[in-house]
Amino acid sequence: VDLDIIAQRTPGFVGADLANICNEAALLAARRNKEMIDTIDLEDAIDRILSGPEKKNRLINAQEKKIVCVHESGHALIALLTPGADPVTRVSIIPRGYAALGYTLQTPKEDRYLITRSELLNRIKIMLGGRAAEDIVFNEISTGAQNDLQKATEYARSMVIEYGMTDRLGLISIPDTDSGPFLKRRGFGTG
């Protein structure tokens, strides 16, 4: 096992996370009739834990595969061209989890606890890169960017109302009134 590869793919993981990966890798190795766990089993276990299991029964037609390929390439290309962005460690068009038809994985080089305004803007650019690629290549967009748009909107919203990263509103932090446990139950929240 190449522990350097595993360490690079698992920044921020705690002991319990690593134990979970080892257990998953052991199950994968056993299914593959192996006597020992190797790096491939551990990498597949990381993919499975981070992105969900492969959906082998989800058949995707050739046109949709092409769209997913272009979409994920857009994320990867923008990430590669963005100075200071986390390195792209994996790009896949294998359907995983509940709805993901593909994914682009960026792995930070080290554990981080703070993020700057420009880094948040770069993350938003990378998230929108898939949709932009679809528009450029096909002159059409798909519903495949829904999760990306949701995440980009969350980042932008947080920048404005939580982190005070806007010149227009200035240095303020507006509490999320929908997050109170009693507001939603009593019907006062909008969420």
Protein backbone atom coordinates (compact mmCIF):
# COMPACT_ATOMS: atom_id res chain seq x y z
CA VAL A 1 0.00 0.00 0.00
CA ASP A 2 1.28 3.44 -0.93
CA LEU A 3 0.41 5.42 2.19
CA ASP A 4 1.49 8.71 0.59
CA ILE A 5 -1.33 8.35 -1.96
CA ILE A 6 -3.85 7.52 0.75
CA ALA A 7 -2.67 10.44 2.92
CA GLN A 8 -2.98 12.86 -0.03
CA ARG A 9 -6.53 11.69 -0.74
CA THR A 10 -7.71 11.95 2.87
CA PRO A 11 -6.82 15.39 4.30
CA GLY A 12 -8.89 16.29 7.32
CA PHE A 13 -9.90 12.69 7.99
CA VAL A 14 -9.82 11.57 11.60
CA GLY A 15 -9.03 8.10 12.92
CA ALA A 16 -12.65 6.93 12.67
CA ASP A 17 -12.81 8.05 9.01
CA LEU A 18 -9.63 6.12 8.22
CA ALA A 19 -10.94 3.05 10.07
CA ASN A 20 -14.11 3.25 7.97
CA ILE A 21 -12.02 3.38 4.78
CA CYS A 22 -9.97 0.37 5.93
CA ASN A 23 -13.16 -1.60 6.67
CA GLU A 24 -14.62 -0.70 3.28
CA ALA A 25 -11.33 -1.64 1.57
CA ALA A 26 -11.34 -5.00 3.36
CA LEU A 27 -14.87 -5.67 2.07
CA LEU A 28 -13.86 -4.71 -1.46
CA ALA A 29 -10.75 -6.91 -1.32
CA ALA A 30 -12.82 -9.84 -0.07
CA ARG A 31 -15.36 -9.37 -2.89
CA ARG A 32 -12.44 -9.42 -5.31
CA ASN A 33 -11.13 -12.67 -3.76
CA LYS A 34 -7.90 -11.04 -2.60
CA GLU A 35 -5.94 -12.16 0.42
CA MET A 36 -4.60 -8.68 1.13
CA ILE A 37 -5.78 -5.09 0.78
CA ASP A 38 -3.83 -3.00 -1.74
CA THR A 39 -3.76 0.65 -2.78
CA ILE A 40 -6.49 0.14 -5.39
CA ASP A 41 -8.85 -1.26 -2.74
CA LEU A 42 -8.16 1.72 -0.47
CA GLU A 43 -8.62 4.24 -3.29
CA ASP A 44 -11.88 2.59 -4.33
CA ALA A 45 -13.01 2.65 -0.69
CA ILE A 46 -12.25 6.38 -0.49
CA ASP A 47 -14.27 6.99 -3.67
CA ARG A 48 -17.13 4.93 -2.30
CA ILE A 49 -17.18 6.79 1.03
CA LEU A 50 -16.77 10.27 -0.46
CA SER A 51 -19.06 9.87 -3.48
CA GLY A 52 -21.23 6.83 -2.79
CA PRO A 53 -21.24 3.39 -4.36
CA GLU A 54 -21.09 2.90 -8.11
CA LYS A 55 -24.52 2.61 -9.67
CA LYS A 56 -23.81 -0.20 -12.12
CA ASN A 57 -27.50 -0.67 -12.88
CA ARG A 58 -27.92 2.97 -13.98
CA LEU A 59 -27.59 2.85 -17.75
CA ILE A 60 -26.76 6.13 -19.41
CA ASN A 61 -27.18 6.66 -23.14
CA ALA A 62 -24.28 7.81 -25.30
CA GLN A 63 -25.46 11.45 -25.57
CA GLU A 64 -25.84 11.80 -21.81
CA LYS A 65 -22.39 10.26 -21.28
CA LYS A 66 -21.01 12.89 -23.65
CA ILE A 67 -22.76 15.67 -21.70
CA VAL A 68 -21.44 14.35 -18.36
CA CYS A 69 -17.95 14.03 -19.85
CA VAL A 70 -17.97 17.63 -21.10
CA HIS A 71 -19.48 18.85 -17.83
CA GLU A 72 -16.84 17.19 -15.64
CA SER A 73 -14.09 18.29 -18.04
CA GLY A 74 -15.31 21.87 -17.57
CA HIS A 75 -14.88 21.59 -13.81
CA ALA A 76 -11.43 20.04 -14.18
CA LEU A 77 -10.23 22.57 -16.77
CA ILE A 78 -11.29 25.60 -14.71
CA ALA A 79 -9.69 24.05 -11.61
CA LEU A 80 -6.44 23.47 -13.50
CA LEU A 81 -6.45 27.04 -14.86
CA THR A 82 -7.30 28.67 -11.53
CA PRO A 83 -4.20 29.77 -9.60
CA GLY A 84 -4.16 28.41 -6.07
CA ALA A 85 -7.05 25.99 -6.60
CA ASP A 86 -6.83 22.58 -4.95
CA PRO A 87 -5.37 20.02 -7.37
CA VAL A 88 -7.74 17.79 -9.34
CA THR A 89 -7.15 14.24 -8.14
CA ARG A 90 -9.93 12.36 -9.89
CA VAL A 91 -12.49 12.88 -12.64
CA SER A 92 -15.16 10.25 -13.18
CA ILE A 93 -18.22 9.76 -15.35
CA ILE A 94 -19.25 6.66 -13.42
CA PRO A 95 -22.62 7.29 -11.76
CA ARG A 96 -22.35 7.20 -7.96
CA GLY A 97 -24.59 7.85 -5.02
CA TYR A 98 -28.12 9.13 -5.29
CA ALA A 99 -27.99 11.42 -8.32
CA ALA A 100 -24.38 12.06 -9.34
CA LEU A 101 -23.70 11.00 -12.92
CA GLY A 102 -20.05 12.01 -12.57
CA TYR A 103 -17.76 14.04 -10.38
CA THR A 104 -14.53 16.00 -10.31
CA LEU A 105 -12.60 15.60 -7.08
CA GLN A 106 -10.17 18.20 -5.85
CA THR A 107 -8.08 17.29 -2.84
CA PRO A 108 -6.48 19.97 -0.69
CA LYS A 109 -2.75 19.60 -0.14
CA GLU A 110 -3.18 20.20 3.59
CA ASP A 111 -5.80 20.64 6.29
CA ARG A 112 -7.27 24.15 6.23
CA TYR A 113 -9.56 25.96 8.60
CA LEU A 114 -9.89 29.35 6.90
CA ILE A 115 -10.69 30.33 3.35
CA THR A 116 -10.23 33.72 1.73
CA ARG A 117 -12.71 35.70 -0.36
CA SER A 118 -10.73 35.06 -3.56
CA GLU A 119 -10.61 31.33 -2.80
CA LEU A 120 -14.39 31.26 -2.36
CA LEU A 121 -14.84 33.08 -5.66
CA ASN A 122 -12.51 30.56 -7.30
CA ARG A 123 -14.58 27.70 -5.92
CA ILE A 124 -17.71 29.27 -7.38
CA LYS A 125 -15.98 29.61 -10.78
CA ILE A 126 -14.96 25.95 -10.70
CA MET A 127 -18.49 24.86 -9.76
CA LEU A 128 -19.91 26.82 -12.69
CA GLY A 129 -17.26 25.47 -15.08
CA GLY A 130 -19.29 22.35 -15.88
CA ARG A 131 -22.35 24.30 -16.95
CA ALA A 132 -20.19 26.72 -18.96
CA ALA A 133 -18.54 23.81 -20.77
CA GLU A 134 -21.94 22.36 -21.70
CA ASP A 135 -23.04 25.74 -23.05
CA ILE A 136 -19.84 26.20 -25.08
CA VAL A 137 -19.67 22.67 -26.54
CA PHE A 138 -23.38 21.93 -27.10
CA ASN A 139 -24.83 25.46 -27.21
CA GLU A 140 -27.28 23.99 -24.69
CA ILE A 141 -27.37 23.37 -20.96
CA SER A 142 -28.74 20.44 -18.99
CA THR A 143 -30.10 19.79 -15.52
CA GLY A 144 -26.73 18.25 -14.60
CA ALA A 145 -25.55 21.49 -13.01
CA GLN A 146 -28.32 21.59 -10.39
CA ASN A 147 -26.10 20.52 -7.48
CA ASP A 148 -23.30 22.82 -8.66
CA LEU A 149 -25.69 25.78 -8.77
CA GLN A 150 -26.96 24.94 -5.31
CA LYS A 151 -23.44 24.83 -3.84
CA ALA A 152 -22.34 27.99 -5.68
CA THR A 153 -25.42 29.80 -4.39
CA GLU A 154 -24.69 28.64 -0.82
CA TYR A 155 -21.11 29.97 -1.08
CA ALA A 156 -22.27 33.30 -2.53
CA ARG A 157 -25.02 33.66 0.07
CA SER A 158 -22.60 32.91 2.91
CA MET A 159 -20.11 35.40 1.53
CA VAL A 160 -22.75 38.13 1.61
CA ILE A 161 -24.78 37.48 4.75
CA GLU A 162 -22.40 35.56 7.03
CA TYR A 163 -18.83 36.55 6.22
CA GLY A 164 -19.25 40.24 5.38
CA MET A 165 -17.41 39.78 2.07
CA THR A 166 -19.34 42.34 0.07
CA ASP A 167 -18.69 46.04 -0.40
CA ARG A 168 -22.39 46.82 -0.81
CA LEU A 169 -23.54 45.50 2.59
CA GLY A 170 -20.22 45.86 4.34
CA LEU A 171 -19.01 44.20 7.49
CA ILE A 172 -22.18 42.54 8.75
CA SER A 173 -23.34 39.07 9.61
CA ILE A 174 -27.06 38.44 9.39
CA PRO A 175 -28.21 35.45 11.43
CA ASP A 176 -30.15 32.75 9.62
CA THR A 177 -33.59 33.04 11.24
CA ASP A 178 -34.73 29.76 9.69
CA SER A 179 -32.11 27.78 11.58
CA GLY A 180 -33.79 28.04 15.00
CA PRO A 181 -35.23 24.68 16.10
CA PHE A 182 -38.58 26.17 17.15
CA LEU A 183 -39.22 28.45 14.17
CA LYS A 184 -39.64 25.65 11.63
CA ARG A 185 -41.81 23.53 13.91
CA ARG A 186 -44.17 26.40 14.63
CA GLY A 187 -44.48 27.35 10.97
CA PHE A 188 -42.61 30.67 11.22
CA GLY A 189 -39.67 29.62 9.07
CA THR A 190 -39.72 29.81 5.30
CA GLY A 191 -37.54 26.71 4.87
